[in-house]
């Protein structure tokens, strides 16, 4: 083979095969250093605190509902006279004559007098005392009750958290149902069309607020009183919330 041919052959071989990879032998000290580094990394991983688990959604155990109902019901309960909450007597439930032309099943909230009326088929209404929202947080309007819930869970709205972080930030992941839950024993959820307004008619663990302006937007009732109301309200009913005094 001529010198020129040998050069072409060697060049082609170089294109087909890569050169050997240099793998210098590691000394004992280098091996020990690698082992120590790996042991240190393992120790750091073991000492690192575990990642916080995702918060579980709030829940309400139906097995507790009857017991909670009993807890918020006075002994020998009579809706017209039982008053361990110290309410003004006018805020106790009473049947009254309704104005003519009102649709049975609908709810009307007189925000000035702090009354909720549930219209009956016979032209009467059951009247209950309520509390309404503070200042401009009260939102009069006409709403549809699209959902009902016993011993509901609760989460403050983002607006509530932003407005009063010191009070609501700790509940950002929600709160289980129960007697200390702000929605109390029952809740009626108010919608406009298919949009949840986040307004509720609900029970309250603060019954002494009845008659006042206390909530962040909702209409509050004594827990035992809304238990009485709840079973008689159908989803699809209309709730009329009338303007309050300014």
Foldseek 3Di string as FASTA:
>chain_A
DDPVVVVVVVVVVCVVDPDDDDDDDDDPVVVVVVVVVVVVVVVVVVPDDDDDDDDDAAEEDPVCQVVQLVVLADPVHDQQDDDPLPDDSVQGKDKAAADPPDDAQAWEADQAQQWIWHAHPVRITIIHFKAFAPDPLADFDKWFQADKDFQDKDADDPVVCVVCVVPHVVQNSTYYGGCQHQQHGMWGFTHDVPHGPPEIEGEGNNQVCTRYHDDSHYMYGHRNVVVVVVVSHDGGHMYGYDDYDD
